[in-house]
């Protein structure tokens, strides 16, 4: 049974935002813990955290526009 468009869009939004949050948290963990190297790796962790925030904030509106065009 197919879901209505709004429910499907909401699920995609939620998944994309959760992936963005997980990426952000992984970046923070890499920057401030011994996950990859002793003493942390601030450059890589910071870049990954920024990518995670951008994914969580910018990707959902882009996905919505793409789904509305179909």
C-alpha atoms as a PDB file:
ATOM      1  CA  UNK A   1       0.000   0.000   0.000  1.00  0.00           C
ATOM      2  CA  UNK A   2       1.472   3.342  -1.069  1.00  0.00           C
ATOM      3  CA  UNK A   3       1.811   6.119   1.454  1.00  0.00           C
ATOM      4  CA  UNK A   4       0.556   9.631   0.776  1.00  0.00           C
ATOM      5  CA  UNK A   5       3.159  12.034  -0.560  1.00  0.00           C
ATOM      6  CA  UNK A   6       3.303  14.098   2.629  1.00  0.00           C
ATOM      7  CA  UNK A   7       4.026  11.054   4.789  1.00  0.00           C
ATOM      8  CA  UNK A   8       6.723   9.871   2.393  1.00  0.00           C
ATOM      9  CA  UNK A   9       8.328  13.314   2.284  1.00  0.00           C
ATOM     10  CA  UNK A  10       8.268  13.500   6.080  1.00  0.00           C
ATOM     11  CA  UNK A  11       9.998  10.121   6.375  1.00  0.00           C
ATOM     12  CA  UNK A  12      12.702  11.162   3.921  1.00  0.00           C
ATOM     13  CA  UNK A  13      13.163  14.451   5.838  1.00  0.00           C
ATOM     14  CA  UNK A  14      13.503  12.595   9.115  1.00  0.00           C
ATOM     15  CA  UNK A  15      16.022  10.118   7.732  1.00  0.00           C
ATOM     16  CA  UNK A  16      18.145  12.847   6.111  1.00  0.00           C
ATOM     17  CA  UNK A  17      18.148  14.945   9.279  1.00  0.00           C
ATOM     18  CA  UNK A  18      19.078  11.925  11.415  1.00  0.00           C
ATOM     19  CA  UNK A  19      21.964  11.132   9.072  1.00  0.00           C
ATOM     20  CA  UNK A  20      23.080  14.767   9.331  1.00  0.00           C
ATOM     21  CA  UNK A  21      22.899  14.604  13.116  1.00  0.00           C
ATOM     22  CA  UNK A  22      24.863  11.349  13.195  1.00  0.00           C
ATOM     23  CA  UNK A  23      27.505  12.858  10.902  1.00  0.00           C
ATOM     24  CA  UNK A  24      27.757  15.940  13.129  1.00  0.00           C
ATOM     25  CA  UNK A  25      28.121  13.835  16.274  1.00  0.00           C
ATOM     26  CA  UNK A  26      30.759  11.645  14.602  1.00  0.00           C
ATOM     27  CA  UNK A  27      32.675  14.782  13.675  1.00  0.00           C
ATOM     28  CA  UNK A  28      32.550  16.040  17.267  1.00  0.00           C
ATOM     29  CA  UNK A  29      33.685  12.636  18.513  1.00  0.00           C
ATOM     30  CA  UNK A  30      36.608  12.599  16.071  1.00  0.00           C
ATOM     31  CA  UNK A  31      37.610  16.141  17.008  1.00  0.00           C
ATOM     32  CA  UNK A  32      37.562  15.710  20.779  1.00  0.00           C
ATOM     33  CA  UNK A  33      38.273  12.053  21.487  1.00  0.00           C
ATOM     34  CA  UNK A  34      40.892   9.438  20.730  1.00  0.00           C
ATOM     35  CA  UNK A  35      38.634   7.799  18.150  1.00  0.00           C
ATOM     36  CA  UNK A  36      41.047   8.091  15.203  1.00  0.00           C
ATOM     37  CA  UNK A  37      44.256   9.304  16.791  1.00  0.00           C
ATOM     38  CA  UNK A  38      45.449  10.184  20.289  1.00  0.00           C
ATOM     39  CA  UNK A  39      44.437  13.688  21.320  1.00  0.00           C
ATOM     40  CA  UNK A  40      41.701  13.977  18.720  1.00  0.00           C
ATOM     41  CA  UNK A  41      41.811  15.269  15.187  1.00  0.00           C
ATOM     42  CA  UNK A  42      40.194  18.721  15.203  1.00  0.00           C
ATOM     43  CA  UNK A  43      40.551  19.467  11.489  1.00  0.00           C
ATOM     44  CA  UNK A  44      38.861  16.295  10.243  1.00  0.00           C
ATOM     45  CA  UNK A  45      36.301  16.319  13.041  1.00  0.00           C
ATOM     46  CA  UNK A  46      35.416  19.951  12.416  1.00  0.00           C
ATOM     47  CA  UNK A  47      34.993  19.414   8.693  1.00  0.00           C
ATOM     48  CA  UNK A  48      32.803  16.386   9.294  1.00  0.00           C
ATOM     49  CA  UNK A  49      30.713  18.311  11.839  1.00  0.00           C
ATOM     50  CA  UNK A  50      30.158  21.139   9.342  1.00  0.00           C
ATOM     51  CA  UNK A  51      29.141  18.647   6.645  1.00  0.00           C
ATOM     52  CA  UNK A  52      26.676  17.073   9.077  1.00  0.00           C
ATOM     53  CA  UNK A  53      25.084  20.419   9.928  1.00  0.00           C
ATOM     54  CA  UNK A  54      24.805  21.355   6.262  1.00  0.00           C
ATOM     55  CA  UNK A  55      23.277  17.968   5.506  1.00  0.00           C
ATOM     56  CA  UNK A  56      20.691  18.372   8.256  1.00  0.00           C
ATOM     57  CA  UNK A  57      19.780  21.960   7.348  1.00  0.00           C
ATOM     58  CA  UNK A  58      20.161  22.313   3.574  1.00  0.00           C
ATOM     59  CA  UNK A  59      19.350  18.871   2.190  1.00  0.00           C
ATOM     60  CA  UNK A  60      15.650  18.584   3.229  1.00  0.00           C
ATOM     61  CA  UNK A  61      14.471  21.667   1.291  1.00  0.00           C
ATOM     62  CA  UNK A  62      16.396  20.456  -1.759  1.00  0.00           C
ATOM     63  CA  UNK A  63      14.756  17.041  -1.463  1.00  0.00           C
ATOM     64  CA  UNK A  64      11.320  18.626  -1.146  1.00  0.00           C
ATOM     65  CA  UNK A  65      11.846  20.671  -4.320  1.00  0.00           C
ATOM     66  CA  UNK A  66      12.984  17.559  -6.172  1.00  0.00           C
ATOM     67  CA  UNK A  67       9.961  15.567  -4.986  1.00  0.00           C
ATOM     68  CA  UNK A  68       7.504  18.337  -5.880  1.00  0.00           C
ATOM     69  CA  UNK A  69       8.801  18.464  -9.464  1.00  0.00           C
ATOM     70  CA  UNK A  70       7.903  14.803 -10.033  1.00  0.00           C
END
